N, C-alpha and C. Protein backbone atom coordinates (compact mmCIF):
# COMPACT_ATOMS: atom_id res chain seq x y z
N MET A 1 146.03 76.07 193.74
CA MET A 1 144.51 76.71 193.91
C MET A 1 143.52 75.45 193.55
N SER A 2 144.01 74.48 192.40
CA SER A 2 143.41 73.60 191.86
C SER A 2 143.21 72.17 192.99
N LYS A 3 144.63 72.42 193.72
CA LYS A 3 144.49 70.98 194.72
C LYS A 3 143.80 71.54 195.74
N ILE A 4 143.79 72.64 196.11
CA ILE A 4 142.75 73.03 197.11
C ILE A 4 141.13 72.80 196.97
N HIS A 5 140.97 72.87 195.75
CA HIS A 5 139.68 72.96 195.49
C HIS A 5 139.11 71.36 195.20
N ASP A 6 140.55 70.79 194.74
CA ASP A 6 140.07 69.09 194.78
C ASP A 6 140.02 68.80 196.35
N GLU A 7 140.60 69.12 197.18
CA GLU A 7 140.81 68.90 198.43
C GLU A 7 139.31 68.92 199.03
N MET A 8 138.78 70.45 198.75
CA MET A 8 137.31 70.56 199.10
C MET A 8 136.26 69.72 198.53
N ASP A 9 136.40 69.55 197.21
CA ASP A 9 135.13 68.41 196.75
C ASP A 9 135.43 67.37 197.63
N GLU A 10 136.62 66.59 197.84
CA GLU A 10 136.98 65.64 198.53
C GLU A 10 136.10 65.40 199.98
N LYS A 11 135.97 66.61 200.91
CA LYS A 11 135.48 67.02 201.53
C LYS A 11 134.26 67.18 201.74
N THR A 12 133.55 67.53 200.59
CA THR A 12 131.92 67.72 200.44
C THR A 12 131.46 66.67 200.00
N ARG A 13 132.12 65.64 199.34
CA ARG A 13 131.49 64.19 198.92
C ARG A 13 131.43 63.42 200.19
N ALA A 14 132.79 63.60 200.97
CA ALA A 14 132.41 62.88 202.67
C ALA A 14 131.59 63.35 203.29
N LYS A 15 131.14 64.33 203.03
CA LYS A 15 129.91 64.79 203.89
C LYS A 15 128.61 64.17 203.52
N GLY A 16 128.70 64.00 202.13
CA GLY A 16 127.35 63.37 201.22
C GLY A 16 126.65 64.44 201.30
N ALA A 17 127.29 65.67 200.76
CA ALA A 17 126.26 67.00 200.06
C ALA A 17 127.22 66.89 198.43
N PHE A 18 126.29 67.76 198.30
CA PHE A 18 127.01 68.48 196.48
C PHE A 18 127.53 69.23 196.22
N SER A 19 128.53 69.35 195.19
CA SER A 19 129.45 70.35 195.41
C SER A 19 129.00 70.86 193.65
N ARG A 20 129.91 71.97 193.64
CA ARG A 20 129.52 72.81 192.38
C ARG A 20 130.05 71.88 191.27
N ARG A 21 131.43 71.44 191.30
CA ARG A 21 132.07 70.98 190.71
C ARG A 21 131.17 69.41 189.84
N GLY A 22 130.71 68.53 191.16
CA GLY A 22 130.18 67.58 191.01
C GLY A 22 129.08 67.80 189.88
N PHE A 23 128.16 68.58 190.43
CA PHE A 23 126.77 69.23 189.71
C PHE A 23 127.20 69.32 188.49
N LEU A 24 128.13 70.50 187.97
CA LEU A 24 128.71 70.55 186.62
C LEU A 24 128.71 69.29 185.87
N ARG A 25 129.67 68.19 186.18
CA ARG A 25 129.87 67.48 185.59
C ARG A 25 128.87 66.71 185.40
N GLY A 26 127.82 66.39 186.08
CA GLY A 26 126.58 65.55 186.20
C GLY A 26 125.53 66.29 185.04
N ALA A 27 126.03 67.50 184.96
CA ALA A 27 124.87 68.41 184.48
C ALA A 27 125.36 68.07 182.53
N GLY A 28 126.77 68.28 182.87
CA GLY A 28 127.45 67.32 181.46
C GLY A 28 127.01 66.20 180.55
N VAL A 29 126.86 64.94 181.77
CA VAL A 29 126.43 64.18 181.20
C VAL A 29 125.24 63.68 180.79
N ALA A 30 124.71 64.34 181.49
CA ALA A 30 122.58 64.48 181.37
C ALA A 30 122.40 65.13 179.93
N SER A 31 123.24 65.97 179.58
CA SER A 31 123.04 66.62 178.57
C SER A 31 123.59 65.64 177.49
N GLY A 32 124.82 65.26 177.37
CA GLY A 32 125.25 64.59 176.55
C GLY A 32 124.00 62.90 176.52
N ALA A 33 123.57 62.81 177.38
CA ALA A 33 122.81 61.41 177.06
C ALA A 33 121.12 62.21 176.48
N LEU A 34 121.06 63.38 177.04
CA LEU A 34 119.68 64.08 176.18
C LEU A 34 120.20 63.82 174.47
N GLY A 35 121.11 64.54 174.10
CA GLY A 35 121.46 64.47 172.69
C GLY A 35 121.71 63.66 172.27
N GLY A 36 121.74 62.50 172.60
CA GLY A 36 122.01 61.07 171.94
C GLY A 36 120.66 60.33 171.91
N ALA A 37 119.69 60.60 172.90
CA ALA A 37 118.31 60.57 172.32
C ALA A 37 117.15 60.93 171.73
N VAL A 38 117.86 61.96 170.98
CA VAL A 38 117.17 62.76 169.89
C VAL A 38 116.83 61.94 168.53
N LEU A 39 115.50 61.73 168.27
CA LEU A 39 114.86 61.01 167.63
C LEU A 39 115.18 61.35 166.12
N THR A 40 115.78 60.31 165.07
CA THR A 40 115.71 60.82 163.70
C THR A 40 114.34 61.32 163.21
N GLU A 41 114.07 61.75 162.15
CA GLU A 41 112.74 62.12 161.38
C GLU A 41 112.01 60.65 161.13
N GLU A 42 112.70 59.95 160.84
CA GLU A 42 112.04 58.47 160.75
C GLU A 42 111.73 57.94 161.61
N GLN A 43 112.51 57.85 162.57
CA GLN A 43 112.19 57.58 164.03
C GLN A 43 110.79 58.22 164.36
N ALA A 44 110.69 59.45 164.53
CA ALA A 44 109.87 60.20 165.19
C ALA A 44 108.61 59.71 164.38
N GLU A 45 108.54 59.72 162.93
CA GLU A 45 107.21 59.55 162.51
C GLU A 45 106.70 58.04 162.46
N ALA A 46 107.37 56.64 162.97
CA ALA A 46 107.39 55.91 163.17
C ALA A 46 106.69 55.68 164.79
N ALA A 47 107.35 56.58 165.51
CA ALA A 47 106.77 56.58 166.83
C ALA A 47 105.25 57.45 166.64
N GLN A 48 104.88 58.14 166.17
CA GLN A 48 103.76 58.77 166.09
C GLN A 48 102.74 57.69 165.40
N ALA A 49 103.40 56.91 164.23
CA ALA A 49 102.41 56.08 163.93
C ALA A 49 101.87 54.81 164.65
N ALA A 50 103.29 54.69 165.85
CA ALA A 50 102.51 53.48 166.54
C ALA A 50 101.68 53.96 167.62
N ALA A 51 101.46 55.29 167.90
CA ALA A 51 100.73 55.52 168.97
C ALA A 51 99.26 56.35 168.39
N GLN A 52 99.06 56.15 167.49
CA GLN A 52 97.65 56.41 166.88
C GLN A 52 96.49 55.27 167.27
N GLY A 53 95.69 55.39 167.34
CA GLY A 53 94.22 54.85 167.78
C GLY A 53 94.27 53.75 166.56
N PRO A 54 92.85 53.10 166.99
CA PRO A 54 92.28 51.90 165.83
C PRO A 54 92.01 52.45 164.77
N GLY A 55 92.41 51.81 163.43
CA GLY A 55 92.33 52.38 162.27
C GLY A 55 90.53 52.42 161.74
N ALA A 56 90.34 52.95 160.82
CA ALA A 56 88.90 53.30 160.49
C ALA A 56 87.95 51.77 160.35
N VAL A 57 86.89 51.93 160.28
CA VAL A 57 86.02 51.00 160.14
C VAL A 57 84.96 50.99 158.93
N ALA A 58 84.06 49.90 158.68
CA ALA A 58 83.21 50.28 157.82
C ALA A 58 81.61 50.25 158.63
N ILE A 59 80.94 51.51 158.54
CA ILE A 59 79.76 51.45 159.38
C ILE A 59 78.64 51.77 158.11
N SER A 60 77.52 51.58 158.68
CA SER A 60 76.26 52.20 157.95
C SER A 60 75.77 53.19 158.85
N LEU A 61 74.90 54.16 158.45
CA LEU A 61 74.08 55.04 158.98
C LEU A 61 72.96 55.39 158.51
N ASN A 62 71.83 55.17 159.03
CA ASN A 62 70.51 55.36 158.33
C ASN A 62 70.31 57.04 158.40
N VAL A 63 70.64 58.02 157.73
CA VAL A 63 70.52 59.55 158.18
C VAL A 63 69.18 60.04 157.08
N ASN A 64 68.63 60.35 157.50
CA ASN A 64 67.40 61.52 157.19
C ASN A 64 66.86 60.43 156.19
N GLY A 65 66.41 58.88 156.56
CA GLY A 65 65.98 57.83 155.77
C GLY A 65 66.72 57.55 154.38
N LYS A 66 68.16 57.60 154.58
CA LYS A 66 68.82 56.99 153.04
C LYS A 66 69.85 56.44 153.98
N GLU A 67 70.05 54.56 153.79
CA GLU A 67 71.23 54.01 154.21
C GLU A 67 72.75 54.95 153.78
N GLN A 68 73.55 55.25 154.58
CA GLN A 68 74.34 55.66 154.24
C GLN A 68 75.79 54.59 154.66
N LYS A 69 76.95 54.39 153.76
CA LYS A 69 78.05 53.75 154.15
C LYS A 69 79.23 54.66 154.16
N LEU A 70 79.86 54.25 155.37
CA LEU A 70 80.85 55.29 155.87
C LEU A 70 82.16 54.43 156.22
N ASN A 71 83.49 54.78 156.20
CA ASN A 71 84.67 54.41 156.90
C ASN A 71 85.14 55.32 158.00
N VAL A 72 84.92 54.97 159.09
CA VAL A 72 85.41 56.13 160.07
C VAL A 72 86.25 55.46 161.46
N GLU A 73 87.09 56.21 161.91
CA GLU A 73 87.44 55.71 163.29
C GLU A 73 86.59 55.45 164.25
N PRO A 74 86.84 54.36 165.14
CA PRO A 74 86.20 54.34 166.39
C PRO A 74 85.80 55.68 167.35
N ARG A 75 86.61 56.42 167.15
CA ARG A 75 86.58 57.42 168.12
C ARG A 75 85.77 58.75 167.57
N VAL A 76 85.25 58.56 166.02
CA VAL A 76 84.68 59.67 165.24
C VAL A 76 83.06 59.91 165.63
N THR A 77 82.64 61.09 166.50
CA THR A 77 81.16 61.52 166.57
C THR A 77 80.62 61.55 165.43
N LEU A 78 78.96 61.53 165.94
CA LEU A 78 78.00 61.34 164.99
C LEU A 78 78.08 62.64 164.42
N LEU A 79 78.29 63.76 164.82
CA LEU A 79 78.42 65.10 164.02
C LEU A 79 79.31 65.06 163.52
N ASP A 80 80.86 64.87 163.54
CA ASP A 80 81.61 64.70 163.04
C ASP A 80 81.92 63.62 161.70
N ALA A 81 81.04 62.72 161.74
CA ALA A 81 80.82 62.04 160.36
C ALA A 81 79.93 62.58 159.55
N CYS A 82 78.80 63.30 160.46
CA CYS A 82 77.88 63.98 159.38
C CYS A 82 78.34 65.00 158.54
N ARG A 83 78.88 66.05 159.06
CA ARG A 83 79.95 67.23 158.60
C ARG A 83 80.72 66.77 157.91
N ASN A 84 81.93 65.84 158.14
CA ASN A 84 83.13 65.60 157.28
C ASN A 84 83.07 64.82 155.98
N GLN A 85 81.94 63.86 156.14
CA GLN A 85 82.06 62.67 154.94
C GLN A 85 80.55 63.01 154.39
N LEU A 86 79.24 63.35 155.31
CA LEU A 86 78.22 63.09 154.45
C LEU A 86 77.68 64.59 153.74
N ASP A 87 78.56 65.52 154.07
CA ASP A 87 78.41 67.12 153.71
C ASP A 87 76.87 67.51 154.27
N LEU A 88 76.67 66.86 155.88
CA LEU A 88 75.59 67.61 156.55
C LEU A 88 75.71 68.48 157.30
N THR A 89 76.00 69.36 156.60
CA THR A 89 76.82 70.49 157.65
C THR A 89 75.79 71.56 158.73
N GLY A 90 74.31 71.56 158.60
CA GLY A 90 73.50 72.11 159.34
C GLY A 90 73.83 71.95 160.81
N ALA A 91 74.02 71.09 161.70
CA ALA A 91 74.53 70.66 162.75
C ALA A 91 75.93 71.10 163.18
N LYS A 92 76.16 72.17 163.98
CA LYS A 92 77.34 72.93 164.10
C LYS A 92 78.09 72.60 165.15
N ARG A 93 79.71 73.00 165.28
CA ARG A 93 79.92 72.14 165.99
C ARG A 93 80.62 73.42 166.69
N VAL A 94 80.10 73.41 168.26
CA VAL A 94 80.32 74.63 168.99
C VAL A 94 81.18 74.14 170.01
N CYS A 95 80.42 73.82 171.30
CA CYS A 95 81.15 73.79 172.11
C CYS A 95 81.94 72.11 172.37
N ASP A 96 81.81 71.17 171.93
CA ASP A 96 81.50 69.86 171.46
C ASP A 96 82.20 68.95 172.93
N ARG A 97 80.93 69.71 173.68
CA ARG A 97 81.15 69.01 175.16
C ARG A 97 79.41 68.60 175.48
N GLY A 98 78.74 68.68 174.42
CA GLY A 98 77.28 68.54 175.03
C GLY A 98 76.78 69.95 176.12
N THR A 99 76.76 71.16 175.57
CA THR A 99 76.49 71.59 176.20
C THR A 99 75.84 72.59 175.77
N CYS A 100 75.79 72.93 174.48
CA CYS A 100 75.01 74.86 173.68
C CYS A 100 74.23 73.96 172.85
N GLY A 101 74.28 72.72 172.84
CA GLY A 101 72.78 72.49 171.57
C GLY A 101 72.73 72.56 170.00
N ALA A 102 74.29 73.09 169.72
CA ALA A 102 74.05 73.26 168.17
C ALA A 102 74.27 72.12 167.58
N CYS A 103 74.61 71.28 168.07
CA CYS A 103 74.76 70.12 167.19
C CYS A 103 73.41 69.13 166.99
N THR A 104 72.46 69.41 167.88
CA THR A 104 71.25 68.99 168.12
C THR A 104 71.00 68.12 166.71
N MET A 105 70.71 66.90 166.95
CA MET A 105 70.30 65.84 165.79
C MET A 105 68.33 64.93 166.68
N ILE A 106 67.49 64.12 165.95
CA ILE A 106 66.80 63.60 166.60
C ILE A 106 67.50 61.99 166.20
N MET A 107 67.28 61.05 167.07
CA MET A 107 68.19 59.75 166.85
C MET A 107 66.87 58.68 167.50
N ASN A 108 66.19 57.88 166.72
CA ASN A 108 65.30 57.49 167.71
C ASN A 108 63.52 57.95 167.88
N GLY A 109 63.71 59.67 167.53
CA GLY A 109 62.51 59.97 167.86
C GLY A 109 62.84 61.13 169.41
N LYS A 110 64.40 60.78 169.52
CA LYS A 110 64.77 61.41 170.91
C LYS A 110 66.03 62.72 170.42
N VAL A 111 65.73 63.58 171.08
CA VAL A 111 66.89 64.48 171.18
C VAL A 111 68.26 64.36 171.51
N VAL A 112 69.07 64.65 170.62
CA VAL A 112 70.29 63.98 171.12
C VAL A 112 71.53 65.39 170.59
N TYR A 113 72.28 65.19 171.58
CA TYR A 113 73.68 66.00 170.96
C TYR A 113 74.75 65.29 170.13
N ALA A 114 74.47 65.47 169.22
CA ALA A 114 75.75 64.62 168.29
C ALA A 114 76.86 64.61 168.62
N CYS A 115 77.36 65.42 168.97
CA CYS A 115 78.83 65.79 169.51
C CYS A 115 79.20 64.62 170.57
N THR A 116 77.97 64.24 171.17
CA THR A 116 78.65 63.28 172.46
C THR A 116 78.14 62.11 172.04
N VAL A 117 77.56 61.54 170.52
CA VAL A 117 77.41 60.28 169.90
C VAL A 117 78.45 59.50 169.14
N LEU A 118 78.78 58.59 169.72
CA LEU A 118 79.81 58.44 168.41
C LEU A 118 79.01 57.56 167.18
N ALA A 119 79.73 57.70 166.25
CA ALA A 119 78.66 56.98 164.81
C ALA A 119 78.86 56.04 164.82
N ILE A 120 79.85 55.27 165.44
CA ILE A 120 79.64 53.67 165.44
C ILE A 120 78.35 53.03 166.21
N ASP A 121 78.17 53.83 167.19
CA ASP A 121 77.03 53.75 168.05
C ASP A 121 75.54 53.94 167.55
N ALA A 122 76.03 54.71 166.15
CA ALA A 122 74.32 55.42 166.11
C ALA A 122 73.92 53.93 164.79
N GLN A 123 74.76 53.48 164.55
CA GLN A 123 74.03 52.31 163.59
C GLN A 123 72.69 51.77 164.00
N GLY A 124 71.86 51.30 163.03
CA GLY A 124 70.61 50.70 163.37
C GLY A 124 69.49 51.47 163.92
N ARG A 125 69.87 52.88 164.14
CA ARG A 125 68.94 54.28 164.59
C ARG A 125 68.27 55.05 163.40
N GLN A 126 67.37 55.59 163.58
CA GLN A 126 66.73 56.28 162.37
C GLN A 126 67.46 57.80 162.99
N ILE A 127 68.16 58.59 162.50
CA ILE A 127 68.89 59.98 162.32
C ILE A 127 68.17 60.90 161.52
N GLN A 128 67.67 61.88 162.04
CA GLN A 128 67.06 63.26 161.33
C GLN A 128 68.16 64.06 161.86
N THR A 129 68.64 65.01 160.51
CA THR A 129 69.16 66.10 160.70
C THR A 129 68.27 67.45 160.16
N ILE A 130 68.44 68.53 160.62
CA ILE A 130 68.04 69.61 160.02
C ILE A 130 67.43 69.93 158.37
N GLU A 131 68.65 69.27 157.70
CA GLU A 131 68.31 68.84 156.18
C GLU A 131 67.21 67.93 155.84
N GLY A 132 66.98 67.04 156.33
CA GLY A 132 66.04 66.02 156.47
C GLY A 132 64.45 66.14 156.95
N ILE A 133 64.34 67.74 157.35
CA ILE A 133 63.22 68.11 157.91
C ILE A 133 62.07 68.85 157.02
N GLY A 134 62.85 69.36 155.98
CA GLY A 134 61.90 70.43 154.92
C GLY A 134 63.39 70.62 153.97
N THR A 135 62.77 71.76 152.67
CA THR A 135 63.31 71.86 151.76
C THR A 135 63.48 73.38 151.85
N PRO A 136 64.64 74.32 151.47
CA PRO A 136 64.08 75.53 150.92
C PRO A 136 62.97 76.08 150.09
N GLN A 137 62.42 75.46 149.28
CA GLN A 137 61.11 75.36 148.77
C GLN A 137 59.95 75.13 149.76
N LYS A 138 60.19 73.99 150.57
CA LYS A 138 59.26 73.69 151.22
C LYS A 138 59.57 73.42 152.63
N PRO A 139 59.99 74.46 153.69
CA PRO A 139 60.53 74.32 154.68
C PRO A 139 59.79 73.81 155.67
N HIS A 140 60.22 73.11 157.05
CA HIS A 140 59.34 72.32 157.99
C HIS A 140 58.53 73.88 158.67
N PRO A 141 57.53 73.27 159.48
CA PRO A 141 56.62 74.81 159.70
C PRO A 141 57.46 75.13 160.76
N VAL A 142 58.22 74.66 161.71
CA VAL A 142 59.04 75.11 162.80
C VAL A 142 60.00 76.23 162.37
N SER A 143 60.77 75.86 160.98
CA SER A 143 61.69 76.60 160.20
C SER A 143 60.85 77.61 159.97
N THR A 144 59.64 77.87 159.17
CA THR A 144 58.95 78.96 159.20
C THR A 144 58.56 79.66 160.07
N ALA A 145 58.20 79.40 161.38
CA ALA A 145 58.07 79.98 162.44
C ALA A 145 59.28 80.43 162.92
N PHE A 146 60.11 80.04 162.60
CA PHE A 146 61.49 80.91 163.31
C PHE A 146 61.52 82.24 162.59
N VAL A 147 61.50 82.14 161.20
CA VAL A 147 61.70 83.43 160.35
C VAL A 147 60.48 84.31 160.70
N ASN A 148 59.40 83.99 160.72
CA ASN A 148 58.31 84.96 160.74
C ASN A 148 58.63 85.32 162.27
N ASN A 149 59.01 84.74 163.54
CA ASN A 149 59.23 85.71 164.80
C ASN A 149 60.54 86.15 165.29
N ASP A 150 61.54 86.04 164.00
CA ASP A 150 62.82 86.86 164.09
C ASP A 150 63.74 85.88 165.17
N ALA A 151 63.70 84.73 165.39
CA ALA A 151 64.11 83.89 166.26
C ALA A 151 65.90 83.76 165.88
N GLN A 152 66.63 84.00 165.17
CA GLN A 152 67.52 83.89 164.40
C GLN A 152 68.76 85.21 164.33
N GLN A 153 69.54 85.48 164.52
CA GLN A 153 70.30 86.76 164.76
C GLN A 153 71.49 86.10 163.97
N CYS A 154 72.78 85.57 164.15
CA CYS A 154 74.00 85.19 163.45
C CYS A 154 73.39 83.63 162.85
N GLY A 155 72.25 83.04 163.45
CA GLY A 155 71.99 81.75 163.01
C GLY A 155 73.14 80.38 163.26
N TYR A 156 74.02 80.85 163.57
CA TYR A 156 75.01 79.56 163.80
C TYR A 156 73.97 78.43 164.89
N CYS A 157 73.41 79.00 165.77
CA CYS A 157 72.68 78.12 166.75
C CYS A 157 71.31 77.47 166.25
N THR A 158 70.64 78.63 165.09
CA THR A 158 69.39 78.21 164.84
C THR A 158 68.95 76.46 164.57
N PRO A 159 69.99 76.11 163.57
CA PRO A 159 69.61 74.60 163.61
C PRO A 159 69.32 73.70 164.57
N GLY A 160 70.19 73.57 165.35
CA GLY A 160 70.10 73.01 166.72
C GLY A 160 68.81 73.37 167.35
N PHE A 161 68.56 74.50 167.37
CA PHE A 161 67.31 75.08 168.13
C PHE A 161 65.83 74.53 167.56
N VAL A 162 66.16 74.76 165.92
CA VAL A 162 64.78 73.90 165.24
C VAL A 162 64.79 72.75 165.43
N MET A 163 66.14 71.81 165.33
CA MET A 163 65.76 70.16 165.74
C MET A 163 65.52 70.15 167.26
N ALA A 164 65.78 70.87 167.95
CA ALA A 164 65.28 70.72 169.51
C ALA A 164 63.63 71.06 169.83
N ALA A 165 63.54 72.30 168.80
CA ALA A 165 62.05 72.27 169.16
C ALA A 165 60.92 71.37 168.20
N LYS A 166 61.52 71.02 167.18
CA LYS A 166 60.82 69.87 166.26
C LYS A 166 60.91 68.23 166.91
N GLY A 167 61.34 68.20 168.37
CA GLY A 167 61.61 66.82 168.86
C GLY A 167 60.96 67.21 170.19
N PHE A 168 61.02 68.60 170.38
CA PHE A 168 59.83 69.01 171.85
C PHE A 168 58.33 68.81 171.33
N LEU A 169 58.44 69.49 170.42
CA LEU A 169 56.65 69.34 169.46
C LEU A 169 56.64 68.05 169.16
N ASP A 170 57.09 67.35 168.94
CA ASP A 170 56.37 65.77 168.88
C ASP A 170 56.23 65.06 169.66
N ARG A 171 56.72 65.44 170.95
CA ARG A 171 56.65 64.99 172.50
C ARG A 171 55.02 65.81 173.04
N ASN A 172 55.27 67.04 172.69
CA ASN A 172 54.38 68.11 173.05
C ASN A 172 53.55 68.85 172.49
N PRO A 173 52.92 68.87 171.45
CA PRO A 173 52.19 69.62 170.66
C PRO A 173 51.61 70.70 170.82
N LYS A 174 51.01 70.57 172.56
CA LYS A 174 50.28 72.06 172.60
C LYS A 174 50.75 72.30 174.13
N PRO A 175 51.92 73.07 173.92
CA PRO A 175 52.75 73.18 174.84
C PRO A 175 52.27 74.58 175.65
N THR A 176 52.56 75.55 176.49
CA THR A 176 52.43 76.38 177.25
C THR A 176 53.70 77.14 177.25
N TYR A 177 54.01 78.66 177.19
CA TYR A 177 54.99 79.28 177.24
C TYR A 177 55.97 78.80 178.06
N ASP A 178 55.92 78.42 179.33
CA ASP A 178 57.17 78.19 180.14
C ASP A 178 57.75 76.83 179.94
N GLN A 179 56.67 75.83 179.14
CA GLN A 179 56.77 74.47 178.86
C GLN A 179 57.72 74.81 177.85
N VAL A 180 57.69 75.34 176.83
CA VAL A 180 58.57 75.78 175.78
C VAL A 180 60.04 76.13 176.30
N LYS A 181 59.84 77.23 177.40
CA LYS A 181 60.92 77.90 177.90
C LYS A 181 61.74 76.53 178.62
N ALA A 182 61.07 75.70 179.30
CA ALA A 182 61.69 74.47 180.15
C ALA A 182 62.11 73.42 178.93
N GLY A 183 61.70 73.17 178.23
CA GLY A 183 61.84 72.45 177.05
C GLY A 183 63.26 72.56 176.53
N LEU A 184 63.17 73.60 175.59
CA LEU A 184 64.09 74.34 174.96
C LEU A 184 65.70 74.56 175.93
N GLY A 185 65.27 74.23 177.40
CA GLY A 185 66.73 74.92 178.25
C GLY A 185 67.92 73.86 178.01
N GLY A 186 68.18 73.00 176.71
CA GLY A 186 69.28 72.48 176.61
C GLY A 186 70.37 73.07 175.46
N ASN A 187 69.64 74.21 174.85
CA ASN A 187 69.84 75.06 173.80
C ASN A 187 70.51 76.00 174.55
N LEU A 188 71.62 76.31 173.69
CA LEU A 188 72.04 78.03 174.05
C LEU A 188 72.25 79.22 173.10
N CYS A 189 72.07 80.12 173.17
CA CYS A 189 71.94 81.19 171.93
C CYS A 189 72.71 82.31 172.62
N ARG A 190 73.67 82.91 171.94
CA ARG A 190 75.23 83.78 172.38
C ARG A 190 74.18 84.87 171.84
N CYS A 191 73.36 85.26 171.04
CA CYS A 191 72.83 86.37 170.43
C CYS A 191 71.62 86.73 171.83
N GLY A 192 71.08 86.18 172.44
CA GLY A 192 70.24 85.87 173.08
C GLY A 192 68.76 86.10 172.38
N THR A 193 68.49 85.66 171.85
CA THR A 193 66.97 85.84 170.90
C THR A 193 65.61 84.64 171.57
N TYR A 194 66.22 84.34 172.72
CA TYR A 194 65.64 83.13 173.43
C TYR A 194 63.67 83.58 173.15
N VAL A 195 63.40 84.87 173.47
CA VAL A 195 61.95 85.21 173.36
C VAL A 195 61.48 84.85 171.89
N GLY A 196 62.25 85.14 171.04
CA GLY A 196 61.83 85.00 169.29
C GLY A 196 61.81 83.57 169.18
N VAL A 197 62.72 82.86 169.92
CA VAL A 197 62.50 81.19 169.68
C VAL A 197 60.87 80.81 170.19
N ARG A 198 60.63 80.86 171.47
CA ARG A 198 59.96 80.55 172.27
C ARG A 198 58.77 80.99 171.78
N LYS A 199 58.27 81.96 170.78
CA LYS A 199 57.65 82.52 170.36
C LYS A 199 57.07 82.12 168.91
N ALA A 200 58.36 81.16 168.36
CA ALA A 200 57.96 80.78 167.04
C ALA A 200 57.74 79.04 167.31
N VAL A 201 57.80 78.48 168.44
CA VAL A 201 57.55 77.37 168.77
C VAL A 201 56.22 77.18 169.11
N LEU A 202 55.87 78.35 169.83
CA LEU A 202 53.90 78.19 169.93
C LEU A 202 53.35 78.60 168.67
N GLU A 203 53.83 79.40 168.09
CA GLU A 203 53.35 79.43 166.54
C GLU A 203 53.23 77.96 165.75
N ALA A 204 54.88 77.44 165.65
CA ALA A 204 54.35 76.32 165.05
C ALA A 204 53.29 75.30 165.53
N ALA A 205 53.13 75.49 167.19
CA ALA A 205 52.19 74.08 167.45
C ALA A 205 50.71 74.68 167.31
N GLY A 206 50.48 76.08 166.47
CA GLY A 206 49.53 76.38 166.18
C GLY A 206 48.54 77.63 167.21
N LYS A 207 49.52 78.05 168.12
CA LYS A 207 49.08 79.18 168.99
C LYS A 207 50.11 80.39 168.68
N LYS A 208 49.84 81.49 169.29
CA LYS A 208 50.50 82.81 169.31
C LYS A 208 50.92 83.23 170.81
N GLY A 209 52.48 83.66 170.49
CA GLY A 209 52.91 84.02 171.76
C GLY A 209 52.67 85.29 172.06
């Protein structure tokens, strides 16, 4: 019987086709090769270390009027640098894609999504976070207006909205309701408190919504 199988395999190979026996032999060789390629723990750690990016570099950030010295990897965002190294946790990391506005800060007078700005690129800029525009004892007028108009529910998006509103009012101190609506279009609230937010901005601007 074995002789018959061998003759069949010879005929199959002569036709340039695959045989079952040939396939099994090839699979066995491949398995052995893969088994021999398994890395030791030390080799795996060395490979992982080699795959890591550039190391941390020293940078200086001017945040809320104070010069801060940090060591960060070039890939670290302004948001993560502030939250993880400066303990400024008001700005929230939500979408991490520059779409929700929860991480909003003001840089050189311009509203920015801090999750899209590299910390290393923010050097030499004047950075404002929500911690730098008021205190619990003396809150910023926008923060007070948010409380007065119940413009926060879970509160997770609130710091970003407050900073976006401050930046908006700095540029447009006497807006209309429609201008406020358009001006804060880059911030999302999953609780849906948009009406309260808009009224708060109008109150902060000296108007009643």
